[in-house]
Amino acid sequence: MPQPMIHELRLSVGGEIQEIRSLDEAAIFVRCHPMGEHAGSLLDQIAGASNPLLTDRAWLAVATFADAMQRSGNVKLTRGA
């Protein structure tokens, strides 16, 4: 049986810890990040997460975005609490 997705991210941005516990908080993080101006599709996916499957997919997309920001050196990512 597949593991349930963890719908929470803990990020360190400029030394400040940010906990993202909802897709609304995730959307705020994406919009505030400099690369957020190029993330319209991600924001659409977050807004359209209307059932558990779409919610899981939106969280995966947010985690992927945060992972890309980590690779750029702007964000330190810890999955889960």
Protein backbone atom coordinates (compact mmCIF):
# COMPACT_ATOMS: atom_id res chain seq x y z
CA MET A 1 0.00 0.00 0.00
CA PRO A 2 1.44 3.43 -0.94
CA GLN A 3 2.40 5.82 1.83
CA PRO A 4 0.11 8.83 2.26
CA MET A 5 1.61 12.10 1.12
CA ILE A 6 2.82 14.50 3.76
CA HIS A 7 1.01 17.76 3.20
CA GLU A 8 3.49 19.99 4.94
CA LEU A 9 6.83 21.53 4.06
CA ARG A 10 9.38 23.16 6.32
CA LEU A 11 11.62 25.64 4.55
CA SER A 12 14.49 27.87 5.56
CA VAL A 13 14.52 31.02 3.47
CA GLY A 14 17.30 33.45 4.27
CA GLY A 15 17.72 31.79 7.64
CA GLU A 16 14.03 32.22 8.51
CA ILE A 17 11.99 29.03 8.98
CA GLN A 18 8.69 28.88 7.11
CA GLU A 19 6.24 26.08 7.68
CA ILE A 20 3.78 25.51 4.87
CA ARG A 21 0.80 23.56 6.17
CA SER A 22 -1.85 24.36 3.59
CA LEU A 23 -2.09 24.92 -0.11
CA ASP A 24 -3.09 28.53 0.62
CA GLU A 25 0.22 28.99 2.45
CA ALA A 26 1.99 27.25 -0.42
CA ALA A 27 0.45 29.72 -2.89
CA ILE A 28 1.67 32.63 -0.76
CA PHE A 29 5.19 31.14 -0.71
CA VAL A 30 5.18 30.69 -4.49
CA ARG A 31 3.89 34.22 -5.13
CA CYS A 32 6.51 35.75 -2.79
CA HIS A 33 9.43 33.89 -4.32
CA PRO A 34 11.25 35.65 -7.17
CA MET A 35 10.64 32.64 -9.45
CA GLY A 36 6.94 32.78 -8.60
CA GLU A 37 6.30 35.12 -11.50
CA HIS A 38 6.98 32.13 -13.76
CA ALA A 39 4.81 29.71 -11.77
CA GLY A 40 1.33 30.52 -13.08
CA SER A 41 0.62 26.88 -13.89
CA LEU A 42 1.61 25.83 -10.38
CA LEU A 43 -0.71 28.44 -8.87
CA ASP A 44 -3.51 27.20 -11.16
CA GLN A 45 -2.86 23.64 -9.97
CA ILE A 46 -3.02 24.75 -6.33
CA ALA A 47 -6.26 26.64 -6.94
CA GLY A 48 -7.80 23.66 -8.73
CA ALA A 49 -7.03 21.08 -6.03
CA SER A 50 -10.65 20.17 -5.36
CA ASN A 51 -10.34 16.50 -4.38
CA PRO A 52 -7.77 14.30 -2.59
CA LEU A 53 -6.02 13.18 -5.79
CA LEU A 54 -5.63 16.74 -7.07
CA THR A 55 -4.54 17.86 -3.61
CA ASP A 56 -1.78 15.21 -3.57
CA ARG A 57 -0.67 16.29 -7.04
CA ALA A 58 -0.64 19.96 -6.05
CA TRP A 59 1.47 19.20 -2.97
CA LEU A 60 3.88 17.20 -5.13
CA ALA A 61 4.15 20.16 -7.50
CA VAL A 62 4.79 22.55 -4.60
CA ALA A 63 7.47 20.22 -3.21
CA THR A 64 9.05 20.05 -6.67
CA PHE A 65 9.06 23.87 -6.87
CA ALA A 66 10.67 24.09 -3.40
CA ASP A 67 13.21 21.44 -4.40
CA ALA A 68 14.15 23.49 -7.46
CA MET A 69 14.56 26.54 -5.24
CA GLN A 70 16.80 24.46 -2.93
CA ARG A 71 18.96 23.46 -5.88
CA SER A 72 19.32 27.14 -6.76
CA GLY A 73 20.62 27.75 -3.23
CA ASN A 74 17.75 30.06 -2.20
CA VAL A 75 15.81 27.65 0.01
CA LYS A 76 16.68 24.81 2.37
CA LEU A 77 13.92 22.20 2.27
CA THR A 78 12.85 19.68 4.90
CA ARG A 79 9.89 17.50 4.02
CA GLY A 80 7.45 16.97 6.85
CA ALA A 81 7.44 18.39 10.35
